[in-house]
Amino acid sequence: MRIRTLRSRTTAVGITAAVGIGLLSGCAQSTGPGRPDREITVWSQENLPDRVAATQKVIGGFERKTGIKVNLVGVDEAQMPQLIMSAAASGKLPDVIGAAPMGQVWQMYSNGLLNTDIPKRIVDELGRNTFNANALELTSDGATSLGVPSDAWLQLLVYRKDQLDKKGLAAPDTYARTLAAAKALTTKGRDGISAATDPSDAFTSQSFESIALANDCQLVDDRHEVALDSPQCETAFKAYDQLTRAYGAPGTQTVDSTRATYFAGRSSMVIWSSFLLDELAGLRKDALPSCPECKKDPQYLSDHSGIVTAMKGPDAKDAAQFGEITSWVTTKTAETAASQEFIEYMMGTGYESWFGLAPEGKIPVREGTASDPERYLNAWRHSDIGVDTRKPLDEVFPDSLLDQLADGVSNMHRWGITQGEGALVGATNGELPVPKAIGAMSGGQTSPTEAAREADEEVTALKKSLQ
C-alpha cells in the first residue's frame, strides 16, 4: 500500500480504465518492438521527488556505462491506467514501467500490452534460482513471466508488546488471540485496535484481505467463481466487524487515522504495511509518534512494539501473509535490447540503490547472485531507513523481525493471483466492492453476513463485465 504522501501502496484501477485498456489492446498488439535507437522511456511509480532524484542518479551510472539514454518519468500509481490508455491510443507507450503492482501488471498482460519474452530472458540470465520462488510464481502466468519481480512490502499487525505482556496476553497471531487482546486492551480513552473502514480506499481492502487470507477466505475458488460468501469469508467479515466496531474507534477509519491513533498511544494494535517501520522509529518529521513517552524518546514505540507478519484463522490449515510484489515490466513496443540491458542493470549493479529508496517497504525478492546467494538480502538488512534521520535497518529493528520480513515474501498469498484472476484483482481495486461492504458493516448498516453477500454480488458483476 502506498498512498503517495505516506508511502503506503494503493492501486486505483477503475473498471472504466480496465474496459478502456481492453478496447485499446488491439492497437497495441498490432505494433512490434521499438526502433533500436538506444534511447528508452521509463515510467517509474516511485514518483516522490526524492525517489525520482535517487533513481535518476542510478540511471546516470547506467547511461555512462552503456551509452543508452533513459528518459525517466515519475508516474502516480492512481493515474497509471488512464496514462496507459492514452499512451496506447497515441502509439507512445513507454518502454519500461517500474514498481508496477501485481494487479496492474495482470491488467496490462490481459489486454495484450506487455512484452513477456524480455522478462523471461532477464530472469533466466540473472539466474532463476537467485529470485524468491514465490515472487516468481506470483508474477507469472504458468511458464510466462509477466515482469521481473523486484521488491515487496508486507501487511503487518503491529501491537504494543509492553501492554500485552502486562496483561499476560500472547502475540496476536490468530483470530482468537487478536480478538482477546483487542477486548482486553479496549479501555476508556484507548481502543484495542486501529483498522481501516474507509469505503473509498483500497487500503481498507488490503487491511481486510490480510485478515481474510488468514482464514483461507478467497476472492475466487478453483473453478474461478467468486467466493466471498463462503463460510471462511463470512467468519472473516465477522472477525473484522468485531475488531472495528467493538474494539476500534467510532467513525470511518482511514490510512491516516489508523496510524495516527496508534502513534498517539490511543490504540494498542494497528494493521498497516511495512512502510510504517521508519515512521514507527521516529525517523520522519512529518509522521512522528506522538505518544506521551515518545516526546522524550522518539524510538519508544518501535522499542515497545511487537509485529505479526502471518496470522491464522479458525478455518485455515496454515497461517497466511498478505503483501504486494512490484515488478519491472516491458511493453509491447519496447526497444528490446536496451530495455533488457536497463532492467538487468537495475536488478544488478543498481539493485541495492533501488531497494535502498525505502528498504522497509522494498524487501528485495532477488535474494542474491549465483556466487553470493544472500548478497542482496544481507545488503538490505544494513540499508539505511528514514527520511529526516537515517539509521541502518538492523540497528533499529532486531534480526528476528528482519527474518520475519524476509520469510514473509515466501509465505505471501494474494486473492485471485494464483487462480489467474489478476485482471479482476486490479479492477476491484478501482471499484472497491469490499471496502464499500466493510464501510457499511462497520457503520452498522449491514451485518457481516450481508456484507459478505453484497461484496460477492458486486465482484461477480465486475467479473462478468470484464469477460
Protein backbone atom coordinates (compact mmCIF):
# COMPACT_ATOMS: atom_id res chain seq x y z
CA MET A 1 0.00 0.00 0.00
CA ARG A 2 1.42 3.34 -0.85
CA ILE A 3 -0.67 6.46 -0.63
CA ARG A 4 1.84 8.74 -2.25
CA THR A 5 2.12 11.28 0.58
CA LEU A 6 2.55 8.50 3.11
CA ARG A 7 4.49 6.00 1.01
CA SER A 8 1.87 3.31 1.50
CA ARG A 9 0.71 1.40 -1.52
CA THR A 10 -2.71 1.52 -3.10
CA THR A 11 -3.75 0.79 -6.64
CA ALA A 12 -6.63 2.82 -8.02
CA VAL A 13 -7.68 0.96 -11.14
CA GLY A 14 -11.23 1.73 -12.21
CA ILE A 15 -13.39 -0.57 -14.26
CA THR A 16 -13.70 2.13 -16.88
CA ALA A 17 -9.93 2.06 -17.19
CA ALA A 18 -9.91 -1.72 -17.42
CA VAL A 19 -12.51 -1.71 -20.18
CA GLY A 20 -10.77 1.16 -21.93
CA ILE A 21 -7.45 -0.67 -21.98
CA GLY A 22 -9.24 -3.69 -23.37
CA LEU A 23 -10.53 -1.59 -26.27
CA LEU A 24 -7.02 -0.38 -26.96
CA SER A 25 -5.29 -3.73 -26.73
CA GLY A 26 -5.83 -4.47 -30.42
CA CYS A 27 -3.88 -1.37 -31.27
CA ALA A 28 -1.05 -2.41 -29.01
CA GLN A 29 -0.95 -5.92 -30.45
CA SER A 30 -0.56 -4.59 -33.97
CA THR A 31 2.78 -2.94 -33.21
CA GLY A 32 6.14 -4.54 -32.62
CA PRO A 33 9.32 -3.68 -30.74
CA GLY A 34 10.55 -0.12 -30.89
CA ARG A 35 13.25 1.03 -33.30
CA PRO A 36 16.68 0.28 -31.77
CA ASP A 37 17.87 3.87 -31.29
CA ARG A 38 19.45 3.18 -27.88
CA GLU A 39 17.02 5.54 -26.18
CA ILE A 40 14.20 4.35 -23.92
CA THR A 41 11.42 5.88 -21.87
CA VAL A 42 10.95 4.54 -18.35
CA TRP A 43 7.89 5.23 -16.22
CA SER A 44 8.52 4.79 -12.52
CA GLN A 45 5.77 4.61 -9.93
CA GLU A 46 8.38 5.60 -7.33
CA ASN A 47 7.40 9.16 -8.14
CA LEU A 48 8.07 11.10 -4.93
CA PRO A 49 10.63 13.85 -5.68
CA ASP A 50 13.38 12.35 -3.52
CA ARG A 51 12.81 8.92 -5.07
CA VAL A 52 12.90 10.32 -8.60
CA ALA A 53 16.15 12.13 -7.85
CA ALA A 54 17.71 8.99 -6.35
CA THR A 55 16.55 6.87 -9.29
CA GLN A 56 17.94 9.43 -11.74
CA LYS A 57 21.31 9.12 -10.03
CA VAL A 58 21.29 5.34 -10.56
CA ILE A 59 20.22 5.83 -14.17
CA GLY A 60 23.14 8.20 -14.68
CA GLY A 61 25.51 5.34 -13.92
CA PHE A 62 23.68 3.12 -16.39
CA GLU A 63 23.84 5.76 -19.14
CA ARG A 64 27.57 6.27 -18.65
CA LYS A 65 28.20 2.54 -18.73
CA THR A 66 26.07 1.65 -21.75
CA GLY A 67 25.58 4.80 -23.81
CA ILE A 68 21.81 4.20 -23.68
CA LYS A 69 19.76 7.32 -22.98
CA VAL A 70 16.95 6.90 -20.45
CA ASN A 71 14.05 9.32 -20.18
CA LEU A 72 12.68 8.86 -16.67
CA VAL A 73 9.09 9.87 -15.95
CA GLY A 74 7.62 9.69 -12.45
CA VAL A 75 4.03 8.48 -12.65
CA ASP A 76 1.43 8.34 -9.89
CA GLU A 77 0.09 4.83 -9.43
CA ALA A 78 -3.51 6.06 -9.36
CA GLN A 79 -3.07 7.72 -12.75
CA MET A 80 -1.39 4.76 -14.43
CA PRO A 81 -4.48 3.18 -16.06
CA GLN A 82 -5.56 6.41 -17.74
CA LEU A 83 -1.99 7.20 -18.81
CA ILE A 84 -1.56 3.73 -20.27
CA MET A 85 -4.82 4.15 -22.21
CA SER A 86 -3.71 7.47 -23.65
CA ALA A 87 -0.23 6.19 -24.48
CA ALA A 88 -1.59 3.07 -26.20
CA ALA A 89 -4.07 5.13 -28.23
CA SER A 90 -1.36 7.52 -29.40
CA GLY A 91 1.22 4.80 -30.04
CA LYS A 92 3.54 6.21 -27.38
CA LEU A 93 3.76 3.52 -24.74
CA PRO A 94 6.86 3.70 -22.53
CA ASP A 95 9.46 1.01 -23.00
CA VAL A 96 9.67 0.05 -19.32
CA ILE A 97 7.48 0.55 -16.23
CA GLY A 98 8.96 0.21 -12.74
CA ALA A 99 7.32 -0.52 -9.37
CA ALA A 100 4.23 -1.99 -11.03
CA PRO A 101 1.97 -3.89 -8.56
CA MET A 102 0.59 -7.32 -9.40
CA GLY A 103 -2.99 -6.37 -10.20
CA GLN A 104 -1.83 -3.66 -12.57
CA VAL A 105 0.65 -5.99 -14.27
CA TRP A 106 -2.07 -8.59 -14.81
CA GLN A 107 -4.41 -5.99 -16.30
CA MET A 108 -1.80 -4.90 -18.83
CA TYR A 109 -0.98 -8.51 -19.61
CA SER A 110 -4.63 -9.50 -20.05
CA ASN A 111 -5.07 -6.68 -22.55
CA GLY A 112 -2.03 -7.52 -24.65
CA LEU A 113 0.11 -4.56 -23.64
CA LEU A 114 3.19 -6.42 -22.34
CA ASN A 115 6.25 -7.98 -23.90
CA THR A 116 6.67 -11.14 -21.82
CA ASP A 117 9.69 -12.52 -23.69
CA ILE A 118 12.05 -9.90 -22.26
CA PRO A 119 11.28 -10.66 -18.58
CA LYS A 120 11.81 -14.37 -19.13
CA ARG A 121 15.20 -13.75 -20.73
CA ILE A 122 16.22 -11.42 -17.91
CA VAL A 123 15.21 -13.84 -15.16
CA ASP A 124 16.98 -16.70 -16.93
CA GLU A 125 20.16 -14.69 -17.48
CA LEU A 126 20.28 -13.32 -13.94
CA GLY A 127 19.58 -16.81 -12.61
CA ARG A 128 16.10 -18.01 -11.81
CA ASN A 129 17.34 -19.55 -8.57
CA THR A 130 18.57 -16.13 -7.38
CA PHE A 131 14.96 -14.96 -7.08
CA ASN A 132 12.46 -15.81 -4.39
CA ALA A 133 10.43 -18.70 -5.82
CA ASN A 134 7.08 -17.39 -4.55
CA ALA A 135 7.72 -13.96 -6.07
CA LEU A 136 8.37 -15.59 -9.44
CA GLU A 137 5.19 -17.64 -9.19
CA LEU A 138 3.00 -14.68 -8.23
CA THR A 139 4.32 -12.61 -11.16
CA SER A 140 3.93 -15.35 -13.76
CA ASP A 141 1.09 -16.93 -15.70
CA GLY A 142 2.26 -20.52 -15.70
CA ALA A 143 5.52 -20.52 -17.65
CA THR A 144 5.02 -16.92 -18.82
CA SER A 145 6.92 -14.26 -16.87
CA LEU A 146 4.76 -11.14 -16.79
CA GLY A 147 7.57 -8.99 -15.42
CA VAL A 148 10.78 -9.13 -13.43
CA PRO A 149 9.83 -9.15 -9.74
CA SER A 150 11.86 -6.58 -7.88
CA ASP A 151 10.74 -5.99 -4.31
CA ALA A 152 7.90 -6.48 -1.85
CA TRP A 153 6.10 -4.92 1.07
CA LEU A 154 4.17 -6.84 3.69
CA GLN A 155 0.99 -6.11 5.62
CA LEU A 156 1.67 -6.20 9.36
CA LEU A 157 -0.21 -6.30 12.62
CA VAL A 158 1.79 -4.01 14.90
CA TYR A 159 0.97 -4.22 18.60
CA ARG A 160 2.06 -2.75 21.92
CA LYS A 161 4.11 -5.62 23.26
CA ASP A 162 4.50 -3.93 26.64
CA GLN A 163 0.73 -3.66 27.07
CA LEU A 164 0.06 -7.25 26.01
CA ASP A 165 2.84 -8.52 28.27
CA LYS A 166 1.36 -6.63 31.20
CA LYS A 167 -1.96 -8.44 30.67
CA GLY A 168 -0.26 -11.80 30.10
CA LEU A 169 -1.55 -11.96 26.52
CA ALA A 170 0.09 -13.92 23.71
CA ALA A 171 1.18 -12.32 20.44
CA PRO A 172 -1.94 -11.70 18.27
CA ASP A 173 -1.12 -14.21 15.55
CA THR A 174 -4.53 -15.95 15.43
CA TYR A 175 -8.10 -14.73 15.27
CA ALA A 176 -8.73 -15.84 18.85
CA ARG A 177 -5.62 -14.15 20.24
CA THR A 178 -6.22 -10.95 18.28
CA LEU A 179 -9.83 -10.68 19.43
CA ALA A 180 -8.85 -11.48 23.03
CA ALA A 181 -6.14 -8.82 23.00
CA ALA A 182 -8.43 -6.23 21.40
CA LYS A 183 -11.08 -6.89 24.04
CA ALA A 184 -8.69 -6.83 26.99
CA LEU A 185 -6.96 -3.65 25.85
CA THR A 186 -10.05 -1.64 24.99
CA THR A 187 -10.46 0.86 27.82
CA LYS A 188 -11.78 4.37 28.28
CA GLY A 189 -9.51 6.57 26.19
CA ARG A 190 -7.84 3.72 24.31
CA ASP A 191 -9.02 1.41 21.52
CA GLY A 192 -7.97 -2.19 21.26
CA ILE A 193 -7.09 -1.87 17.57
CA SER A 194 -6.96 0.54 14.64
CA ALA A 195 -8.12 -0.98 11.36
CA ALA A 196 -9.32 0.69 8.17
CA THR A 197 -13.03 1.04 7.34
CA ASP A 198 -12.89 3.77 4.67
CA PRO A 199 -15.21 2.62 1.84
CA SER A 200 -13.38 4.79 -0.72
CA ASP A 201 -9.84 3.49 -0.21
CA ALA A 202 -8.06 0.35 -1.40
CA PHE A 203 -6.18 0.45 1.90
CA THR A 204 -9.36 -0.92 3.50
CA SER A 205 -9.38 -3.80 1.04
CA GLN A 206 -5.72 -4.55 1.75
CA SER A 207 -6.32 -4.49 5.51
CA PHE A 208 -9.31 -6.79 5.26
CA GLU A 209 -7.62 -9.15 2.80
CA SER A 210 -4.78 -9.67 5.27
CA ILE A 211 -7.35 -10.84 7.84
CA ALA A 212 -9.40 -12.80 5.29
CA LEU A 213 -6.47 -14.76 3.87
CA ALA A 214 -5.61 -15.83 7.40
CA ASN A 215 -8.87 -17.79 7.42
CA ASP A 216 -8.45 -19.11 3.86
CA CYS A 217 -11.12 -16.72 2.58
CA GLN A 218 -10.52 -16.40 -1.17
CA LEU A 219 -11.73 -13.94 -3.80
CA VAL A 220 -12.38 -16.77 -6.25
CA ASP A 221 -12.39 -20.54 -5.89
CA ASP A 222 -10.60 -23.11 -8.02
CA ARG A 223 -13.49 -23.00 -10.50
CA HIS A 224 -12.90 -19.26 -10.92
CA GLU A 225 -16.23 -18.44 -9.27
CA VAL A 226 -16.36 -15.53 -6.83
CA ALA A 227 -16.26 -16.96 -3.29
CA LEU A 228 -16.69 -14.02 -0.92
CA ASP A 229 -19.87 -15.53 0.55
CA SER A 230 -18.08 -18.74 1.61
CA PRO A 231 -18.14 -19.82 5.29
CA GLN A 232 -14.46 -18.87 5.59
CA CYS A 233 -15.17 -15.38 4.29
CA GLU A 234 -18.23 -14.91 6.46
CA THR A 235 -16.09 -15.73 9.50
CA ALA A 236 -13.52 -13.19 8.31
CA PHE A 237 -16.18 -10.49 7.93
CA LYS A 238 -17.47 -11.28 11.44
CA ALA A 239 -13.98 -11.02 12.93
CA TYR A 240 -13.28 -7.73 11.15
CA ASP A 241 -16.65 -6.40 12.30
CA GLN A 242 -15.81 -7.21 15.92
CA LEU A 243 -12.39 -5.63 15.67
CA THR A 244 -13.54 -2.40 14.04
CA ARG A 245 -16.92 -1.88 15.77
CA ALA A 246 -16.45 -3.31 19.24
CA TYR A 247 -12.76 -2.58 19.76
CA GLY A 248 -11.95 0.20 17.31
CA ALA A 249 -12.58 3.93 17.20
CA PRO A 250 -16.03 5.09 16.04
CA GLY A 251 -16.44 6.63 12.62
CA THR A 252 -14.63 5.99 9.36
CA GLN A 253 -11.04 4.90 9.89
CA THR A 254 -8.52 5.76 7.18
CA VAL A 255 -4.89 5.19 6.33
CA ASP A 256 -4.14 8.43 8.19
CA SER A 257 -6.31 7.94 11.27
CA THR A 258 -5.24 4.34 11.94
CA ARG A 259 -1.57 5.30 12.00
CA ALA A 260 -2.17 8.49 13.95
CA THR A 261 -4.20 6.72 16.64
CA TYR A 262 -1.52 4.07 17.21
CA PHE A 263 1.25 6.67 17.15
CA ALA A 264 -0.59 8.74 19.76
CA GLY A 265 -0.84 5.75 22.09
CA ARG A 266 -4.63 5.70 21.77
CA SER A 267 -4.79 2.17 20.34
CA SER A 268 -2.91 -0.99 21.22
CA MET A 269 -2.76 -2.54 17.73
CA VAL A 270 -2.79 -1.34 14.15
CA ILE A 271 -2.98 -3.02 10.74
CA TRP A 272 -0.56 -1.28 8.37
CA SER A 273 2.15 -2.07 5.86
CA SER A 274 5.88 -2.42 6.41
CA PHE A 275 6.22 1.15 5.10
CA LEU A 276 5.25 2.09 8.67
CA LEU A 277 8.54 0.93 10.15
CA ASP A 278 10.72 4.00 9.65
CA GLU A 279 7.91 6.22 10.90
CA LEU A 280 7.40 3.92 13.90
CA ALA A 281 11.05 4.51 14.79
CA GLY A 282 10.65 8.29 14.71
CA LEU A 283 12.77 8.81 11.59
CA ARG A 284 10.31 11.04 9.69
CA LYS A 285 9.47 14.50 11.00
CA ASP A 286 6.16 14.61 9.10
CA ALA A 287 4.97 11.38 10.77
CA LEU A 288 6.45 11.30 14.25
CA PRO A 289 4.97 9.11 17.01
CA SER A 290 3.19 11.39 19.48
CA CYS A 291 2.55 9.12 22.46
CA PRO A 292 3.38 10.66 25.86
CA GLU A 293 6.55 8.58 26.18
CA CYS A 294 7.59 9.41 22.61
CA LYS A 295 8.29 13.05 23.41
CA LYS A 296 11.44 12.11 25.31
CA ASP A 297 12.26 9.03 23.24
CA PRO A 298 11.24 9.15 19.52
CA GLN A 299 12.08 5.45 19.21
CA TYR A 300 9.87 4.45 22.14
CA LEU A 301 7.14 2.88 20.00
CA SER A 302 9.50 0.81 17.87
CA ASP A 303 11.22 -0.44 21.05
CA HIS A 304 7.91 -1.40 22.68
CA SER A 305 6.03 -2.77 19.67
CA GLY A 306 5.76 -6.34 18.52
CA ILE A 307 5.00 -7.30 14.94
CA VAL A 308 2.95 -10.15 13.50
CA THR A 309 3.52 -10.93 9.84
CA ALA A 310 1.37 -14.03 9.31
CA MET A 311 -1.94 -14.80 11.04
CA LYS A 312 -4.14 -17.92 11.23
CA GLY A 313 -7.92 -18.12 11.39
CA PRO A 314 -10.05 -20.98 12.76
CA ASP A 315 -10.87 -22.41 9.31
CA ALA A 316 -7.34 -22.34 7.90
CA LYS A 317 -4.71 -25.05 7.99
CA ASP A 318 -1.79 -22.64 7.92
CA ALA A 319 -1.04 -19.01 8.74
CA ALA A 320 -1.09 -16.63 5.78
CA GLN A 321 0.77 -13.45 4.87
CA PHE A 322 -0.62 -10.63 2.71
CA GLY A 323 1.65 -8.30 0.78
CA GLU A 324 2.49 -6.82 -2.60
CA ILE A 325 5.23 -7.57 -5.11
CA THR A 326 6.21 -4.87 -7.57
CA SER A 327 7.93 -5.59 -10.86
CA TRP A 328 9.75 -4.14 -13.82
CA VAL A 329 7.63 -4.72 -16.93
CA THR A 330 8.23 -4.08 -20.62
CA THR A 331 5.52 -3.01 -23.06
CA LYS A 332 4.72 -4.47 -26.46
CA THR A 333 6.52 -1.62 -28.20
CA ALA A 334 9.64 -1.65 -26.00
CA GLU A 335 13.04 -1.38 -27.62
CA THR A 336 14.08 -4.93 -26.83
CA ALA A 337 17.85 -4.85 -26.29
CA ALA A 338 18.04 -1.51 -24.49
CA SER A 339 15.10 -2.34 -22.21
CA GLN A 340 16.66 -5.65 -21.28
CA GLU A 341 20.01 -4.03 -20.51
CA PHE A 342 18.32 -1.42 -18.36
CA ILE A 343 16.32 -3.86 -16.21
CA GLU A 344 19.30 -6.15 -15.80
CA TYR A 345 21.28 -3.16 -14.54
CA MET A 346 18.54 -2.16 -12.11
CA MET A 347 18.40 -5.75 -10.83
CA GLY A 348 22.19 -5.99 -10.61
CA THR A 349 24.57 -3.04 -10.34
CA GLY A 350 21.80 -0.62 -9.40
CA TYR A 351 19.69 -3.00 -7.33
CA GLU A 352 20.93 -2.02 -3.86
CA SER A 353 20.30 1.65 -4.64
CA TRP A 354 16.82 0.80 -5.95
CA PHE A 355 15.57 -1.07 -2.91
CA GLY A 356 17.55 1.36 -0.77
CA LEU A 357 14.99 4.04 -1.70
CA ALA A 358 12.78 2.67 1.11
CA PRO A 359 14.10 -0.65 2.49
CA GLU A 360 11.22 -1.00 4.96
CA GLY A 361 8.81 -1.29 2.03
CA LYS A 362 11.11 -2.62 -0.68
CA ILE A 363 12.22 -6.04 0.53
CA PRO A 364 14.41 -7.47 -2.25
CA VAL A 365 12.94 -10.53 -3.95
CA ARG A 366 16.15 -11.19 -5.84
CA GLU A 367 17.97 -12.56 -2.85
CA GLY A 368 21.50 -12.64 -4.23
CA THR A 369 23.68 -13.78 -7.11
CA ALA A 370 24.89 -17.19 -8.21
CA SER A 371 28.22 -16.62 -6.46
CA ASP A 372 26.73 -14.88 -3.39
CA PRO A 373 23.19 -16.25 -2.83
CA GLU A 374 22.28 -13.86 0.01
CA ARG A 375 24.10 -10.75 -1.18
CA TYR A 376 21.04 -8.53 -1.59
CA LEU A 377 19.21 -9.74 1.50
CA ASN A 378 22.33 -9.01 3.56
CA ALA A 379 22.69 -5.57 1.96
CA TRP A 380 19.01 -4.87 2.66
CA ARG A 381 19.47 -5.61 6.36
CA HIS A 382 22.17 -2.94 6.56
CA SER A 383 20.36 -0.38 4.40
CA ASP A 384 19.53 2.99 5.94
CA ILE A 385 15.86 3.76 6.59
CA GLY A 386 14.20 7.07 7.39
CA VAL A 387 13.98 10.49 5.79
CA ASP A 388 14.99 13.26 8.18
CA THR A 389 17.06 10.86 10.27
CA ARG A 390 18.75 7.85 8.70
CA LYS A 391 19.66 4.68 10.55
CA PRO A 392 20.55 1.15 9.41
CA LEU A 393 17.51 -1.14 9.36
CA ASP A 394 19.28 -3.73 11.53
CA GLU A 395 20.26 -1.07 14.06
CA VAL A 396 16.62 -0.08 14.62
CA PHE A 397 14.94 -3.49 14.47
CA PRO A 398 16.07 -6.92 15.72
CA ASP A 399 17.29 -9.67 13.43
CA SER A 400 14.25 -11.75 14.37
CA LEU A 401 11.91 -9.18 12.79
CA LEU A 402 14.06 -8.85 9.68
CA ASP A 403 13.96 -12.63 9.37
CA GLN A 404 10.15 -12.46 9.58
CA LEU A 405 10.01 -9.84 6.85
CA ALA A 406 12.32 -11.75 4.55
CA ASP A 407 10.48 -15.02 5.16
CA GLY A 408 7.14 -13.26 4.65
CA VAL A 409 7.80 -12.96 0.92
CA SER A 410 7.92 -16.75 0.66
CA ASN A 411 4.67 -17.09 2.62
CA MET A 412 2.79 -14.35 0.80
CA HIS A 413 -0.67 -15.10 -0.60
CA ARG A 414 -2.95 -12.92 -2.67
CA TRP A 415 -6.58 -13.05 -3.70
CA GLY A 416 -7.09 -14.17 -7.28
CA ILE A 417 -3.49 -14.02 -8.43
CA THR A 418 -2.67 -17.72 -8.21
CA GLN A 419 -6.03 -18.53 -9.82
CA GLY A 420 -5.15 -16.38 -12.84
CA GLU A 421 -7.66 -13.66 -11.97
CA GLY A 422 -5.18 -10.81 -11.72
CA ALA A 423 -7.20 -8.55 -14.02
CA LEU A 424 -10.16 -8.92 -11.66
CA VAL A 425 -7.91 -8.06 -8.72
CA GLY A 426 -6.85 -4.85 -10.44
CA ALA A 427 -10.42 -3.93 -11.30
CA THR A 428 -11.68 -4.49 -7.75
CA ASN A 429 -9.09 -2.00 -6.53
CA GLY A 430 -10.86 0.58 -8.66
CA GLU A 431 -14.48 -0.25 -7.95
CA LEU A 432 -13.75 -1.11 -4.28
CA PRO A 433 -16.64 -3.51 -3.64
CA VAL A 434 -15.03 -4.94 -0.49
CA PRO A 435 -14.24 -1.56 1.15
CA LYS A 436 -17.82 -0.47 0.43
CA ALA A 437 -19.15 -3.58 2.15
CA ILE A 438 -16.74 -3.07 5.06
CA GLY A 439 -17.78 0.56 5.41
CA ALA A 440 -21.47 -0.33 5.55
CA MET A 441 -20.81 -3.15 8.01
CA SER A 442 -18.62 -1.17 10.38
CA GLY A 443 -21.14 1.65 10.27
CA GLY A 444 -23.86 -0.71 11.48
CA GLN A 445 -25.86 -0.58 8.23
CA THR A 446 -25.40 -4.25 7.38
CA SER A 447 -24.48 -7.45 9.18
CA PRO A 448 -21.27 -9.37 8.43
CA THR A 449 -23.32 -11.98 6.56
CA GLU A 450 -24.97 -9.30 4.43
CA ALA A 451 -21.63 -7.59 3.84
CA ALA A 452 -20.10 -10.84 2.58
CA ARG A 453 -23.06 -11.43 0.26
CA GLU A 454 -23.06 -7.87 -1.08
CA ALA A 455 -19.32 -7.97 -1.76
CA ASP A 456 -19.73 -11.31 -3.52
CA GLU A 457 -22.51 -9.96 -5.74
CA GLU A 458 -20.57 -6.82 -6.64
CA VAL A 459 -17.39 -8.72 -7.53
CA THR A 460 -19.41 -11.25 -9.54
CA ALA A 461 -20.94 -8.42 -11.58
CA LEU A 462 -17.50 -6.88 -12.04
CA LYS A 463 -16.07 -10.20 -13.23
CA LYS A 464 -18.82 -10.56 -15.83
CA SER A 465 -18.15 -7.05 -17.13
CA LEU A 466 -14.51 -7.97 -17.78
CA GLN A 467 -15.34 -11.01 -19.92
